[in-house]
Amino acid sequence: MVSKAAIKPLNKVVMGFFSWKTQDTNRSICNNASGAKTFTVYMMDNKGNVWVEDDYEGYGVFGGKDFYELLAEMNGKSTRDEGIDLAFGDEAFISPNLYESSFEVWKNRSPEDCELQGYFYGY
């Protein structure tokens, strides 16, 4: 039997970066803590709105707009948590697009997740 003194609560929150690949160039969207040079990313919704990010921090915010909050709004929901639930759930949804070019137009497809989390480039 384990004593109560030996049981420690899990108070530590482990966070990771959110990152995707651009949909026009398939380039990993690096964050500014990675050591890689950041580049301009355009986040677009289905209504023609565009948010421009020049120095991505890695937490899903482009030009002051949270990707998952926008995902929720585009699908008739209201919170970032609802957007995360959509992104990682089984329900069909429409998604913001992420491009390097400002000349792209929104298409009904989701950006691909970056397995490197925009950070782990190995240098």
N, C-alpha and C. Protein backbone atom coordinates (compact mmCIF):
# COMPACT_ATOMS: atom_id res chain seq x y z
N MET A 1 0.84 -1.18 0.00
CA MET A 1 0.00 0.00 0.00
C MET A 1 0.89 1.24 0.00
N VAL A 2 0.48 2.24 -0.77
CA VAL A 2 1.22 3.49 -0.87
C VAL A 2 0.66 4.46 0.15
N SER A 3 1.55 5.11 0.87
CA SER A 3 1.10 6.09 1.86
C SER A 3 0.63 7.36 1.15
N LYS A 4 -0.27 8.09 1.80
CA LYS A 4 -0.76 9.34 1.23
C LYS A 4 0.36 10.35 1.05
N ALA A 5 1.37 10.29 1.89
CA ALA A 5 2.50 11.21 1.79
C ALA A 5 3.27 10.99 0.50
N ALA A 6 3.23 9.78 -0.04
CA ALA A 6 3.98 9.47 -1.26
C ALA A 6 3.23 9.88 -2.53
N ILE A 7 1.95 10.19 -2.41
CA ILE A 7 1.16 10.58 -3.57
C ILE A 7 1.22 12.09 -3.73
N LYS A 8 1.69 12.53 -4.87
CA LYS A 8 1.80 13.97 -5.14
C LYS A 8 0.83 14.32 -6.26
N PRO A 9 0.12 15.42 -6.09
CA PRO A 9 -0.82 15.83 -7.14
C PRO A 9 -0.06 16.30 -8.38
N LEU A 10 -0.69 16.17 -9.53
CA LEU A 10 -0.10 16.64 -10.78
C LEU A 10 -0.49 18.10 -11.00
N ASN A 11 0.33 18.99 -10.52
CA ASN A 11 0.06 20.42 -10.65
C ASN A 11 0.74 21.03 -11.86
N LYS A 12 1.66 20.32 -12.44
CA LYS A 12 2.45 20.84 -13.54
C LYS A 12 1.64 20.79 -14.84
N VAL A 13 1.59 21.91 -15.53
CA VAL A 13 0.94 21.98 -16.83
C VAL A 13 2.02 21.94 -17.88
N VAL A 14 1.90 21.03 -18.81
CA VAL A 14 2.87 20.91 -19.89
C VAL A 14 2.25 21.51 -21.14
N MET A 15 2.93 22.50 -21.69
CA MET A 15 2.41 23.17 -22.88
C MET A 15 3.32 22.90 -24.06
N GLY A 16 2.76 22.93 -25.23
CA GLY A 16 3.54 22.81 -26.45
C GLY A 16 3.17 23.93 -27.39
N PHE A 17 3.87 23.99 -28.49
CA PHE A 17 3.58 24.99 -29.49
C PHE A 17 2.55 24.45 -30.47
N PHE A 18 1.77 25.36 -31.04
CA PHE A 18 0.87 25.03 -32.14
C PHE A 18 1.58 25.45 -33.41
N SER A 19 1.67 24.57 -34.36
CA SER A 19 2.25 24.96 -35.62
C SER A 19 1.67 24.14 -36.76
N TRP A 20 1.69 24.77 -37.90
CA TRP A 20 1.17 24.18 -39.11
C TRP A 20 2.16 24.40 -40.23
N LYS A 21 1.84 23.85 -41.38
CA LYS A 21 2.60 24.13 -42.60
C LYS A 21 1.75 25.06 -43.45
N THR A 22 2.40 25.98 -44.13
CA THR A 22 1.65 26.87 -45.01
C THR A 22 1.03 26.06 -46.14
N GLN A 23 -0.14 26.47 -46.55
CA GLN A 23 -0.90 25.69 -47.52
C GLN A 23 -0.48 25.96 -48.97
N ASP A 24 0.27 27.02 -49.20
CA ASP A 24 0.73 27.30 -50.55
C ASP A 24 2.16 26.82 -50.80
N THR A 25 2.99 26.77 -49.75
CA THR A 25 4.39 26.37 -49.93
C THR A 25 4.78 25.13 -49.12
N ASN A 26 3.88 24.66 -48.27
CA ASN A 26 4.13 23.49 -47.42
C ASN A 26 5.34 23.70 -46.49
N ARG A 27 5.56 24.94 -46.11
CA ARG A 27 6.69 25.31 -45.25
C ARG A 27 6.25 25.33 -43.79
N SER A 28 7.08 24.79 -42.91
CA SER A 28 6.81 24.80 -41.48
C SER A 28 6.78 26.24 -40.97
N ILE A 29 5.70 26.59 -40.26
CA ILE A 29 5.60 27.93 -39.69
C ILE A 29 6.39 27.93 -38.38
N CYS A 30 7.60 28.45 -38.45
CA CYS A 30 8.48 28.43 -37.27
C CYS A 30 8.07 29.53 -36.30
N ASN A 31 8.34 29.27 -35.02
CA ASN A 31 8.06 30.30 -34.03
C ASN A 31 9.36 31.03 -33.68
N ASN A 32 9.22 32.21 -33.10
CA ASN A 32 10.37 33.07 -32.87
C ASN A 32 11.31 32.58 -31.77
N ALA A 33 10.97 31.52 -31.07
CA ALA A 33 11.86 30.94 -30.06
C ALA A 33 12.69 29.79 -30.63
N SER A 34 12.46 29.43 -31.88
CA SER A 34 13.07 28.24 -32.47
C SER A 34 14.51 28.44 -32.93
N GLY A 35 14.91 29.67 -33.14
CA GLY A 35 16.21 29.93 -33.73
C GLY A 35 16.14 30.06 -35.24
N ALA A 36 15.04 29.63 -35.84
CA ALA A 36 14.84 29.79 -37.29
C ALA A 36 14.28 31.18 -37.56
N LYS A 37 14.55 31.70 -38.74
CA LYS A 37 14.04 33.02 -39.11
C LYS A 37 12.54 32.92 -39.40
N THR A 38 11.77 33.75 -38.71
CA THR A 38 10.32 33.76 -38.96
C THR A 38 10.05 34.44 -40.30
N PHE A 39 8.86 34.21 -40.81
CA PHE A 39 8.45 34.81 -42.08
C PHE A 39 6.98 35.19 -41.98
N THR A 40 6.53 36.02 -42.88
CA THR A 40 5.15 36.51 -42.85
C THR A 40 4.18 35.39 -43.21
N VAL A 41 3.14 35.27 -42.40
CA VAL A 41 2.08 34.29 -42.62
C VAL A 41 0.75 35.04 -42.65
N TYR A 42 -0.08 34.69 -43.61
CA TYR A 42 -1.41 35.28 -43.76
C TYR A 42 -2.44 34.24 -43.36
N MET A 43 -3.27 34.56 -42.36
CA MET A 43 -4.37 33.69 -41.96
C MET A 43 -5.65 34.28 -42.55
N MET A 44 -6.41 33.44 -43.27
CA MET A 44 -7.60 33.90 -43.97
C MET A 44 -8.83 33.10 -43.56
N ASP A 45 -9.95 33.78 -43.48
CA ASP A 45 -11.20 33.07 -43.22
C ASP A 45 -12.04 33.02 -44.48
N ASN A 46 -13.18 32.38 -44.39
CA ASN A 46 -14.07 32.18 -45.54
C ASN A 46 -14.84 33.43 -45.94
N LYS A 47 -14.71 34.51 -45.19
CA LYS A 47 -15.41 35.76 -45.51
C LYS A 47 -14.48 36.80 -46.13
N GLY A 48 -13.21 36.43 -46.34
CA GLY A 48 -12.26 37.35 -46.95
C GLY A 48 -11.42 38.15 -45.97
N ASN A 49 -11.59 37.91 -44.68
CA ASN A 49 -10.77 38.61 -43.68
C ASN A 49 -9.38 37.99 -43.65
N VAL A 50 -8.38 38.83 -43.42
CA VAL A 50 -6.99 38.39 -43.41
C VAL A 50 -6.29 38.97 -42.18
N TRP A 51 -5.51 38.12 -41.50
CA TRP A 51 -4.68 38.53 -40.37
C TRP A 51 -3.23 38.25 -40.76
N VAL A 52 -2.36 39.22 -40.55
CA VAL A 52 -0.97 39.12 -40.98
C VAL A 52 -0.06 38.98 -39.76
N GLU A 53 0.79 37.96 -39.79
CA GLU A 53 1.73 37.72 -38.68
C GLU A 53 3.15 37.69 -39.22
N ASP A 54 4.02 38.56 -38.69
CA ASP A 54 5.41 38.63 -39.12
C ASP A 54 6.38 37.98 -38.14
N ASP A 55 5.94 37.71 -36.92
CA ASP A 55 6.84 37.18 -35.89
C ASP A 55 6.08 36.20 -35.01
N TYR A 56 5.74 35.04 -35.57
CA TYR A 56 4.90 34.05 -34.89
C TYR A 56 5.52 33.57 -33.58
N GLU A 57 4.74 33.60 -32.50
CA GLU A 57 5.23 33.21 -31.18
C GLU A 57 5.02 31.74 -30.87
N GLY A 58 4.19 31.05 -31.65
CA GLY A 58 4.02 29.62 -31.46
C GLY A 58 2.75 29.18 -30.76
N TYR A 59 1.89 30.12 -30.41
CA TYR A 59 0.72 29.77 -29.60
C TYR A 59 -0.60 29.88 -30.35
N GLY A 60 -0.54 29.93 -31.69
CA GLY A 60 -1.76 29.92 -32.48
C GLY A 60 -2.34 31.27 -32.80
N VAL A 61 -1.62 32.34 -32.50
CA VAL A 61 -2.14 33.70 -32.75
C VAL A 61 -1.43 34.30 -33.95
N PHE A 62 -2.22 34.74 -34.92
CA PHE A 62 -1.72 35.35 -36.14
C PHE A 62 -2.34 36.74 -36.28
N GLY A 63 -1.52 37.75 -36.28
CA GLY A 63 -2.02 39.12 -36.42
C GLY A 63 -3.00 39.50 -35.34
N GLY A 64 -2.82 38.97 -34.14
CA GLY A 64 -3.69 39.28 -33.01
C GLY A 64 -4.95 38.42 -32.92
N LYS A 65 -5.14 37.50 -33.86
CA LYS A 65 -6.33 36.65 -33.88
C LYS A 65 -5.92 35.20 -33.64
N ASP A 66 -6.57 34.56 -32.69
CA ASP A 66 -6.29 33.17 -32.35
C ASP A 66 -6.90 32.24 -33.40
N PHE A 67 -6.08 31.33 -33.93
CA PHE A 67 -6.52 30.38 -34.95
C PHE A 67 -7.74 29.58 -34.49
N TYR A 68 -7.70 29.06 -33.26
CA TYR A 68 -8.79 28.20 -32.78
C TYR A 68 -10.05 28.99 -32.46
N GLU A 69 -9.90 30.24 -32.05
CA GLU A 69 -11.07 31.10 -31.86
C GLU A 69 -11.74 31.37 -33.20
N LEU A 70 -10.91 31.66 -34.22
CA LEU A 70 -11.45 31.89 -35.56
C LEU A 70 -12.11 30.62 -36.10
N LEU A 71 -11.49 29.48 -35.90
CA LEU A 71 -12.08 28.21 -36.31
C LEU A 71 -13.47 28.04 -35.69
N ALA A 72 -13.58 28.33 -34.41
CA ALA A 72 -14.88 28.25 -33.72
C ALA A 72 -15.89 29.20 -34.37
N GLU A 73 -15.49 30.45 -34.57
CA GLU A 73 -16.39 31.45 -35.14
C GLU A 73 -16.86 31.05 -36.54
N MET A 74 -15.95 30.51 -37.33
CA MET A 74 -16.30 30.11 -38.69
C MET A 74 -17.31 28.96 -38.71
N ASN A 75 -17.44 28.27 -37.60
CA ASN A 75 -18.34 27.13 -37.51
C ASN A 75 -19.49 27.36 -36.54
N GLY A 76 -19.81 28.63 -36.28
CA GLY A 76 -20.97 28.98 -35.47
C GLY A 76 -20.79 28.76 -33.98
N LYS A 77 -19.56 28.66 -33.54
CA LYS A 77 -19.28 28.49 -32.12
C LYS A 77 -18.58 29.76 -31.64
N SER A 78 -18.24 29.83 -30.34
CA SER A 78 -17.73 31.12 -29.87
C SER A 78 -16.40 31.09 -29.11
N THR A 79 -15.97 29.95 -28.61
CA THR A 79 -14.77 29.97 -27.77
C THR A 79 -13.60 29.21 -28.39
N ARG A 80 -12.42 29.58 -27.95
CA ARG A 80 -11.19 28.92 -28.38
C ARG A 80 -11.25 27.42 -28.07
N ASP A 81 -11.73 27.08 -26.88
CA ASP A 81 -11.85 25.67 -26.50
C ASP A 81 -12.75 24.90 -27.46
N GLU A 82 -13.83 25.53 -27.91
CA GLU A 82 -14.72 24.88 -28.88
C GLU A 82 -14.00 24.68 -30.21
N GLY A 83 -13.15 25.65 -30.58
CA GLY A 83 -12.36 25.51 -31.80
C GLY A 83 -11.36 24.37 -31.70
N ILE A 84 -10.72 24.25 -30.54
CA ILE A 84 -9.78 23.14 -30.33
C ILE A 84 -10.52 21.82 -30.38
N ASP A 85 -11.70 21.76 -29.76
CA ASP A 85 -12.50 20.53 -29.81
C ASP A 85 -12.85 20.16 -31.24
N LEU A 86 -13.20 21.16 -32.07
CA LEU A 86 -13.50 20.89 -33.47
C LEU A 86 -12.28 20.34 -34.20
N ALA A 87 -11.14 21.01 -34.00
CA ALA A 87 -9.91 20.64 -34.71
C ALA A 87 -9.47 19.22 -34.39
N PHE A 88 -9.68 18.78 -33.17
CA PHE A 88 -9.19 17.48 -32.76
C PHE A 88 -10.31 16.45 -32.57
N GLY A 89 -11.52 16.80 -33.00
CA GLY A 89 -12.65 15.90 -32.87
C GLY A 89 -13.02 15.24 -34.18
N ASP A 90 -14.22 14.69 -34.22
CA ASP A 90 -14.69 13.96 -35.40
C ASP A 90 -15.72 14.73 -36.22
N GLU A 91 -16.14 15.89 -35.73
CA GLU A 91 -17.17 16.68 -36.39
C GLU A 91 -16.56 17.39 -37.62
N ALA A 92 -17.32 17.45 -38.71
CA ALA A 92 -16.87 18.17 -39.91
C ALA A 92 -16.85 19.67 -39.62
N PHE A 93 -15.88 20.39 -40.21
CA PHE A 93 -15.78 21.83 -40.00
C PHE A 93 -15.07 22.48 -41.18
N ILE A 94 -15.21 23.80 -41.26
CA ILE A 94 -14.41 24.59 -42.19
C ILE A 94 -13.31 25.26 -41.37
N SER A 95 -12.20 25.57 -42.02
CA SER A 95 -11.02 26.00 -41.28
C SER A 95 -10.40 27.27 -41.86
N PRO A 96 -9.74 28.05 -40.99
CA PRO A 96 -8.91 29.13 -41.51
C PRO A 96 -7.80 28.54 -42.38
N ASN A 97 -7.31 29.33 -43.31
CA ASN A 97 -6.19 28.94 -44.15
C ASN A 97 -4.96 29.73 -43.73
N LEU A 98 -3.79 29.14 -43.94
CA LEU A 98 -2.51 29.77 -43.60
C LEU A 98 -1.62 29.76 -44.84
N TYR A 99 -1.25 30.95 -45.30
CA TYR A 99 -0.46 31.09 -46.53
C TYR A 99 0.75 31.98 -46.32
N GLU A 100 1.76 31.81 -47.18
CA GLU A 100 2.87 32.75 -47.25
C GLU A 100 2.55 33.88 -48.21
N SER A 101 1.71 33.63 -49.18
CA SER A 101 1.37 34.64 -50.18
C SER A 101 0.06 35.34 -49.81
N SER A 102 0.07 36.65 -49.98
CA SER A 102 -1.16 37.42 -49.72
C SER A 102 -2.13 37.34 -50.90
N PHE A 103 -1.73 36.68 -51.98
CA PHE A 103 -2.57 36.59 -53.18
C PHE A 103 -3.44 35.34 -53.21
N GLU A 104 -3.31 34.49 -52.24
CA GLU A 104 -4.12 33.27 -52.19
C GLU A 104 -5.55 33.61 -51.79
N VAL A 105 -6.47 32.71 -52.09
CA VAL A 105 -7.86 32.87 -51.67
C VAL A 105 -8.24 31.68 -50.79
N TRP A 106 -9.21 31.89 -49.91
CA TRP A 106 -9.63 30.85 -48.98
C TRP A 106 -10.18 29.66 -49.75
N LYS A 107 -9.78 28.47 -49.31
CA LYS A 107 -10.30 27.21 -49.84
C LYS A 107 -10.78 26.37 -48.68
N ASN A 108 -11.76 25.54 -48.92
CA ASN A 108 -12.32 24.71 -47.85
C ASN A 108 -11.41 23.51 -47.57
N ARG A 109 -10.27 23.80 -46.95
CA ARG A 109 -9.34 22.75 -46.52
C ARG A 109 -8.54 23.27 -45.33
N SER A 110 -8.15 22.36 -44.48
CA SER A 110 -7.42 22.72 -43.26
C SER A 110 -5.91 22.68 -43.51
N PRO A 111 -5.17 23.55 -42.83
CA PRO A 111 -3.71 23.45 -42.93
C PRO A 111 -3.21 22.18 -42.24
N GLU A 112 -2.13 21.65 -42.75
CA GLU A 112 -1.53 20.44 -42.18
C GLU A 112 -0.74 20.81 -40.92
N ASP A 113 -0.88 20.00 -39.88
CA ASP A 113 -0.09 20.21 -38.66
C ASP A 113 1.38 19.99 -38.97
N CYS A 114 2.25 20.73 -38.28
CA CYS A 114 3.69 20.55 -38.42
C CYS A 114 4.19 19.69 -37.28
N GLU A 115 4.74 18.54 -37.62
CA GLU A 115 5.22 17.60 -36.61
C GLU A 115 6.39 18.16 -35.80
N LEU A 116 7.04 19.21 -36.29
CA LEU A 116 8.17 19.83 -35.59
C LEU A 116 7.72 20.93 -34.62
N GLN A 117 6.44 21.19 -34.56
CA GLN A 117 5.82 22.21 -33.72
C GLN A 117 6.42 23.60 -33.94
N GLY A 118 6.96 23.83 -35.12
CA GLY A 118 7.53 25.13 -35.43
C GLY A 118 8.76 25.46 -34.61
N TYR A 119 9.35 24.44 -33.98
CA TYR A 119 10.45 24.69 -33.06
C TYR A 119 11.59 23.69 -33.18
N PHE A 120 11.29 22.42 -33.25
CA PHE A 120 12.28 21.35 -33.12
C PHE A 120 12.93 21.02 -34.47
N TYR A 121 13.80 21.92 -34.94
CA TYR A 121 14.43 21.76 -36.23
C TYR A 121 15.77 21.04 -36.18
N GLY A 122 16.31 20.80 -35.01
CA GLY A 122 17.52 20.00 -34.88
C GLY A 122 18.82 20.72 -35.14
N TYR A 123 18.85 22.04 -34.96
CA TYR A 123 20.13 22.73 -35.07
C TYR A 123 20.48 23.46 -33.83
